[in-house]
Amino acid sequence: MAALAKKQGCDLFYEASVAGGIPILRTLTDSYVTDNVQAVSGIINGTANYMLSAMATGQSYEQALATAQAAGYAEADPTNDVAGIDAAYKLMILSRFAFGQELSLPQIAPTGITHLSASVCRLAAENGWQIKLLAQIQRHGSGLYCRVAPVAVPVDQPLSQINGVQNAVAVQSEAIGTSLYTGPGAGSTATANSVLNDVLVAAKHLINGYRMIRNQKRSVSLTVTRFDQLPQTYLGIGPVAPEAVKYYANEADFSVKTIADDCYQITGLSAVKRKKLRTNLPLTLIPIAGTTDWKQVTENSITSPINVAI
């Protein structure tokens, strides 16, 4: 894993030597065994990140996908990448290593990037956000909160600077604080490197008599809830007049700030309010990273957690 550490917006920034996989697993098993991990958030699909980076500069979804396929970054059938399924599977692995918690695909219910347009990505970028397909998992109280979905990351946060096929995982823990681990996440050379690394690790385990990957995190059972069930702040992008958005804000009791033409910051938006807004207005709603209203979550505990048996 990581070879070089340097300061870059968070406590530690690592250039990872692994590629095409998850640039963090060995670090989680070796460096965080006795540390209390609080949150893991990452860009862990190089194809989707490449496409979103291209769309932020004006390429259409179709153009970005065609370019990714021509460059060898996307499969002939890119469904797992663009639908967030690949990232969800990787989040399931991260959950086991970081928290000792099993997750299932229905619990995560990933949202991909297929519904996004170049205009949405570009307008977000012009006003201070980069849209990234984030895989997130966070422990809060006795609950574990997860998400795989497009998220608007403020440009002053390190994950917003991870572009092209790069992957990155940010880990927040009690002892170390926040660290960011990054490495290439797609392409023939990167994938070949990861496959060879996996073969070497498997061979080493075979020689040493290991029957499974070593995971020293104790197994736990936490209530699992998706982030989209929690109140948070969203970017609302679409051809909607400010008066129309504010009309529903007054009715649904959340606040709206006009950022630019067809771009709004909507604060305190719950799942119920979000559904109502989408039903009545042609808005693309993108959650903004780090805006969950945890105080409201604590005061009004989730009554219907997403908790599927493994």
Protein backbone atom coordinates (compact mmCIF):
# COMPACT_ATOMS: atom_id res chain seq x y z
CA MET A 1 0.00 0.00 0.00
CA ALA A 2 0.91 3.58 0.25
CA ALA A 3 4.47 4.66 -0.19
CA LEU A 4 4.48 8.45 0.06
CA ALA A 5 2.69 10.64 2.60
CA LYS A 6 2.21 14.37 2.22
CA LYS A 7 -0.06 17.17 3.45
CA GLN A 8 -3.00 17.96 1.16
CA GLY A 9 -6.12 19.43 2.74
CA CYS A 10 -6.59 16.57 5.18
CA ASP A 11 -4.25 15.20 7.83
CA LEU A 12 -2.52 12.67 5.60
CA PHE A 13 -2.51 12.06 1.86
CA TYR A 14 -1.11 8.80 0.49
CA GLU A 15 -0.12 7.88 -3.05
CA ALA A 16 -1.20 4.26 -3.30
CA SER A 17 0.72 1.78 -5.42
CA VAL A 18 -2.27 -0.49 -5.97
CA ALA A 19 -4.67 0.14 -8.82
CA GLY A 20 -7.96 -1.00 -10.31
CA GLY A 21 -9.23 -2.07 -6.91
CA ILE A 22 -9.68 -0.49 -3.48
CA PRO A 23 -6.61 1.55 -2.43
CA ILE A 24 -7.08 0.99 1.29
CA LEU A 25 -7.66 -2.63 2.38
CA ARG A 26 -4.19 -3.45 3.66
CA THR A 27 -4.07 -0.13 5.50
CA LEU A 28 -7.40 -0.87 7.19
CA THR A 29 -6.17 -4.27 8.38
CA ASP A 30 -2.68 -3.18 9.41
CA SER A 31 -2.95 0.45 10.53
CA TYR A 32 -6.50 0.80 11.87
CA VAL A 33 -6.82 -2.46 13.83
CA THR A 34 -6.70 -0.70 17.22
CA ASP A 35 -8.11 2.64 15.99
CA ASN A 36 -11.79 3.51 16.07
CA VAL A 37 -12.86 4.14 12.46
CA GLN A 38 -15.77 6.57 12.32
CA ALA A 39 -16.35 7.04 8.59
CA VAL A 40 -15.13 5.87 5.19
CA SER A 41 -15.89 7.82 2.02
CA GLY A 42 -14.47 7.21 -1.39
CA ILE A 43 -14.41 7.35 -5.15
CA ILE A 44 -13.91 3.66 -5.90
CA ASN A 45 -14.96 3.29 -9.52
CA GLY A 46 -12.53 4.73 -12.04
CA THR A 47 -14.91 4.45 -15.01
CA ALA A 48 -17.66 6.52 -13.38
CA ASN A 49 -15.16 9.08 -12.13
CA TYR A 50 -13.64 9.42 -15.59
CA MET A 51 -17.08 10.00 -17.09
CA LEU A 52 -18.15 12.56 -14.46
CA SER A 53 -14.88 14.46 -14.93
CA ALA A 54 -15.55 14.60 -18.68
CA MET A 55 -19.18 15.62 -18.19
CA ALA A 56 -18.12 18.51 -15.94
CA THR A 57 -16.24 19.94 -18.94
CA GLY A 58 -19.27 19.66 -21.24
CA GLN A 59 -19.18 16.16 -22.71
CA SER A 60 -22.56 14.44 -22.83
CA TYR A 61 -23.12 11.19 -20.96
CA GLU A 62 -22.98 9.29 -24.28
CA GLN A 63 -19.76 11.01 -25.36
CA ALA A 64 -18.10 10.38 -22.00
CA LEU A 65 -19.08 6.70 -22.08
CA ALA A 66 -17.85 6.25 -25.65
CA THR A 67 -14.51 7.87 -24.77
CA ALA A 68 -14.17 5.68 -21.66
CA GLN A 69 -14.81 2.55 -23.72
CA ALA A 70 -12.38 3.61 -26.44
CA ALA A 71 -9.68 4.23 -23.83
CA GLY A 72 -10.25 0.83 -22.21
CA TYR A 73 -11.65 2.27 -19.00
CA ALA A 74 -15.17 0.84 -19.45
CA GLU A 75 -16.40 -2.66 -20.22
CA ALA A 76 -18.44 -3.44 -23.34
CA ASP A 77 -21.36 -3.68 -20.91
CA PRO A 78 -20.70 -0.81 -18.45
CA THR A 79 -23.81 -1.44 -16.33
CA ASN A 80 -21.99 -2.35 -13.10
CA ASP A 81 -19.86 0.81 -13.32
CA VAL A 82 -22.46 3.39 -14.31
CA ALA A 83 -25.24 1.96 -12.11
CA GLY A 84 -23.05 2.09 -8.98
CA ILE A 85 -23.11 -1.70 -8.52
CA ASP A 86 -19.33 -2.11 -8.65
CA ALA A 87 -18.88 0.67 -6.08
CA ALA A 88 -21.54 -0.93 -3.86
CA TYR A 89 -19.73 -4.28 -3.86
CA LYS A 90 -16.51 -2.50 -2.89
CA LEU A 91 -18.35 -0.65 -0.10
CA MET A 92 -19.53 -4.01 1.22
CA ILE A 93 -15.88 -5.07 1.48
CA LEU A 94 -14.86 -1.78 3.09
CA SER A 95 -17.62 -2.15 5.68
CA ARG A 96 -16.27 -5.52 6.78
CA PHE A 97 -12.72 -4.23 7.12
CA ALA A 98 -13.55 -0.86 8.70
CA PHE A 99 -16.46 -1.79 10.97
CA GLY A 100 -16.77 -5.59 11.02
CA GLN A 101 -20.28 -5.10 9.62
CA GLU A 102 -21.83 -7.18 6.82
CA LEU A 103 -23.82 -5.24 4.22
CA SER A 104 -25.95 -6.44 1.33
CA LEU A 105 -26.65 -4.86 -2.04
CA PRO A 106 -30.35 -4.23 -1.16
CA GLN A 107 -29.26 -2.40 2.00
CA ILE A 108 -27.07 -0.05 -0.01
CA ALA A 109 -29.50 0.27 -2.97
CA PRO A 110 -26.94 2.14 -5.11
CA THR A 111 -27.81 5.05 -7.37
CA GLY A 112 -25.64 5.40 -10.46
CA ILE A 113 -24.83 8.24 -12.83
CA THR A 114 -27.12 7.35 -15.75
CA HIS A 115 -29.65 10.07 -14.87
CA LEU A 116 -27.06 12.87 -14.88
CA SER A 117 -26.51 15.27 -17.75
CA ALA A 118 -23.50 17.33 -18.78
CA SER A 119 -25.41 20.51 -17.96
CA VAL A 120 -25.99 19.38 -14.37
CA CYS A 121 -22.31 18.43 -13.87
CA ARG A 122 -21.07 21.63 -15.52
CA LEU A 123 -23.43 23.93 -13.59
CA ALA A 124 -22.38 22.33 -10.31
CA ALA A 125 -18.70 22.77 -11.21
CA GLU A 126 -19.20 26.41 -12.18
CA ASN A 127 -20.70 27.14 -8.75
CA GLY A 128 -18.25 25.40 -6.44
CA TRP A 129 -19.02 21.68 -6.48
CA GLN A 130 -17.76 18.60 -8.28
CA ILE A 131 -20.25 15.76 -8.65
CA LYS A 132 -18.63 12.46 -7.68
CA LEU A 133 -20.02 8.95 -7.39
CA LEU A 134 -19.27 8.46 -3.71
CA ALA A 135 -19.36 5.28 -1.67
CA GLN A 136 -19.87 6.27 1.96
CA ILE A 137 -20.31 4.52 5.26
CA GLN A 138 -20.42 6.21 8.66
CA ARG A 139 -21.07 5.08 12.20
CA HIS A 140 -23.28 7.36 14.29
CA GLY A 141 -24.44 6.14 17.69
CA SER A 142 -25.70 2.59 17.33
CA GLY A 143 -26.36 2.98 13.61
CA LEU A 144 -24.39 2.56 10.42
CA TYR A 145 -25.30 4.87 7.54
CA CYS A 146 -24.35 4.03 3.94
CA ARG A 147 -24.65 5.47 0.44
CA VAL A 148 -23.49 4.88 -3.12
CA ALA A 149 -24.76 7.80 -5.18
CA PRO A 150 -23.69 10.97 -6.99
CA VAL A 151 -22.77 13.57 -4.36
CA ALA A 152 -21.84 17.23 -4.76
CA VAL A 153 -18.40 17.65 -3.16
CA PRO A 154 -17.28 21.23 -2.37
CA VAL A 155 -14.17 22.18 -4.36
CA ASP A 156 -12.21 22.87 -1.17
CA GLN A 157 -12.47 19.22 -0.13
CA PRO A 158 -9.73 16.80 -1.30
CA LEU A 159 -12.13 14.27 -2.87
CA SER A 160 -13.31 16.94 -5.32
CA GLN A 161 -9.80 17.01 -6.80
CA ILE A 162 -9.79 13.28 -7.66
CA ASN A 163 -10.39 13.31 -11.41
CA GLY A 164 -10.20 10.97 -14.38
CA VAL A 165 -9.72 7.31 -13.54
CA GLN A 166 -8.21 8.00 -10.12
CA ASN A 167 -9.70 6.26 -7.08
CA ALA A 168 -9.52 7.63 -3.55
CA VAL A 169 -10.73 6.63 -0.11
CA ALA A 170 -10.91 9.00 2.88
CA VAL A 171 -10.89 7.42 6.35
CA GLN A 172 -11.87 9.30 9.49
CA SER A 173 -10.77 7.78 12.78
CA GLU A 174 -10.31 8.87 16.38
CA ALA A 175 -6.54 8.53 16.60
CA ILE A 176 -5.35 9.48 13.10
CA GLY A 177 -8.03 11.98 12.08
CA THR A 178 -8.76 12.12 8.34
CA SER A 179 -6.46 10.42 5.83
CA LEU A 180 -6.85 10.13 2.06
CA TYR A 181 -5.54 7.16 0.05
CA THR A 182 -5.45 7.37 -3.72
CA GLY A 183 -4.38 5.45 -6.81
CA PRO A 184 -5.42 4.72 -10.43
CA GLY A 185 -8.72 2.87 -10.67
CA ALA A 186 -9.14 1.76 -14.29
CA GLY A 187 -7.20 0.90 -17.43
CA SER A 188 -5.31 -2.15 -18.68
CA THR A 189 -2.04 -1.51 -16.83
CA ALA A 190 -3.75 -0.61 -13.57
CA THR A 191 -6.05 -3.63 -13.72
CA ALA A 192 -3.17 -5.98 -14.60
CA ASN A 193 -1.23 -4.65 -11.62
CA SER A 194 -4.16 -5.33 -9.29
CA VAL A 195 -4.75 -8.82 -10.67
CA LEU A 196 -1.07 -9.70 -10.30
CA ASN A 197 -1.06 -8.31 -6.77
CA ASP A 198 -4.13 -10.41 -5.88
CA VAL A 199 -2.46 -13.53 -7.30
CA LEU A 200 0.70 -12.90 -5.26
CA VAL A 201 -1.32 -12.33 -2.07
CA ALA A 202 -3.35 -15.50 -2.71
CA ALA A 203 -0.15 -17.46 -3.29
CA LYS A 204 1.32 -16.13 -0.06
CA HIS A 205 -1.82 -17.11 1.85
CA LEU A 206 -1.70 -20.57 0.29
CA ILE A 207 1.93 -21.04 1.31
CA ASN A 208 1.23 -19.82 4.86
CA GLY A 209 -1.93 -21.88 5.19
CA TYR A 210 -4.44 -19.01 5.39
CA ARG A 211 -7.97 -20.08 4.51
CA MET A 212 -9.37 -16.54 4.20
CA ILE A 213 -8.37 -12.90 4.15
CA ARG A 214 -7.23 -11.79 7.57
CA ASN A 215 -9.70 -9.37 9.12
CA GLN A 216 -9.09 -8.43 12.73
CA LYS A 217 -12.18 -6.26 13.11
CA ARG A 218 -14.66 -7.89 15.45
CA SER A 219 -17.99 -8.72 13.81
CA VAL A 220 -20.81 -6.40 14.88
CA SER A 221 -24.49 -5.97 14.14
CA LEU A 222 -25.57 -2.36 13.71
CA THR A 223 -28.82 -0.93 12.41
CA VAL A 224 -28.18 0.02 8.77
CA THR A 225 -29.85 3.06 7.20
CA ARG A 226 -29.24 4.72 3.85
CA PHE A 227 -28.12 8.35 3.86
CA ASP A 228 -30.98 9.26 1.53
CA GLN A 229 -33.38 8.64 4.41
CA LEU A 230 -31.79 11.46 6.44
CA PRO A 231 -32.40 15.23 6.27
CA GLN A 232 -29.56 17.03 4.49
CA THR A 233 -28.76 19.83 2.05
CA TYR A 234 -29.14 19.28 -1.70
CA LEU A 235 -28.20 21.00 -4.91
CA GLY A 236 -31.32 21.42 -7.01
CA ILE A 237 -30.52 21.92 -10.69
CA GLY A 238 -33.10 22.41 -13.42
CA PRO A 239 -35.10 24.95 -15.46
CA VAL A 240 -37.29 26.08 -12.57
CA ALA A 241 -38.10 29.66 -11.55
CA PRO A 242 -37.01 30.66 -8.03
CA GLU A 243 -40.61 31.47 -7.13
CA ALA A 244 -41.68 27.91 -7.90
CA VAL A 245 -38.98 26.38 -5.72
CA LYS A 246 -39.72 28.78 -2.87
CA TYR A 247 -43.41 28.00 -3.09
CA TYR A 248 -42.74 24.37 -2.23
CA ALA A 249 -40.14 25.39 0.32
CA ASN A 250 -42.74 27.39 2.21
CA GLU A 251 -45.20 24.54 2.00
CA ALA A 252 -42.73 21.80 2.99
CA ASP A 253 -40.80 23.87 5.55
CA PHE A 254 -37.26 23.77 4.16
CA SER A 255 -35.11 26.69 3.03
CA VAL A 256 -33.90 27.58 -0.48
CA LYS A 257 -30.97 29.73 -1.60
CA THR A 258 -30.57 30.71 -5.25
CA ILE A 259 -26.97 30.02 -6.34
CA ALA A 260 -27.30 30.84 -10.05
CA ASP A 261 -29.88 30.56 -12.80
CA ASP A 262 -31.41 27.07 -12.53
CA CYS A 263 -29.19 26.19 -9.52
CA TYR A 264 -30.44 26.15 -5.93
CA GLN A 265 -29.13 25.09 -2.53
CA ILE A 266 -31.96 23.46 -0.58
CA THR A 267 -31.39 22.97 3.15
CA GLY A 268 -33.17 20.57 5.51
CA LEU A 269 -34.60 18.34 2.80
CA SER A 270 -35.97 15.07 4.16
CA ALA A 271 -36.78 11.98 2.10
CA VAL A 272 -40.51 12.79 2.13
CA LYS A 273 -39.95 16.43 1.17
CA ARG A 274 -37.48 15.41 -1.54
CA LYS A 275 -39.99 13.05 -3.12
CA LYS A 276 -42.64 15.77 -3.14
CA LEU A 277 -40.26 18.28 -4.70
CA ARG A 278 -39.22 15.86 -7.45
CA THR A 279 -42.83 15.02 -8.18
CA ASN A 280 -43.79 18.64 -8.73
CA LEU A 281 -40.67 20.22 -10.26
CA PRO A 282 -38.17 19.14 -12.97
CA LEU A 283 -35.18 19.31 -10.63
CA THR A 284 -32.15 17.04 -10.41
CA LEU A 285 -31.41 16.79 -6.69
CA ILE A 286 -27.83 16.00 -5.65
CA PRO A 287 -26.93 15.67 -1.94
CA ILE A 288 -24.08 17.90 -0.78
CA ALA A 289 -21.29 16.08 1.05
CA GLY A 290 -21.10 16.58 4.80
CA THR A 291 -24.50 18.26 5.27
CA THR A 292 -26.46 15.57 7.11
CA ASP A 293 -28.50 17.07 9.97
CA TRP A 294 -27.29 14.69 12.68
CA LYS A 295 -29.02 16.69 15.42
CA GLN A 296 -32.38 16.05 13.77
CA VAL A 297 -31.45 12.39 13.26
CA THR A 298 -30.66 12.05 16.97
CA GLU A 299 -33.84 13.81 18.06
CA ASN A 300 -36.06 11.95 15.59
CA SER A 301 -34.63 8.46 15.31
CA ILE A 302 -35.25 6.52 12.10
CA THR A 303 -38.36 4.43 12.63
CA SER A 304 -37.98 2.23 9.55
CA PRO A 305 -34.31 1.30 9.17
CA ILE A 306 -33.13 -0.47 6.04
CA ASN A 307 -31.90 -3.70 7.65
CA VAL A 308 -31.87 -6.70 5.35
CA ALA A 309 -30.78 -10.12 6.58
CA ILE A 310 -27.54 -11.33 5.01
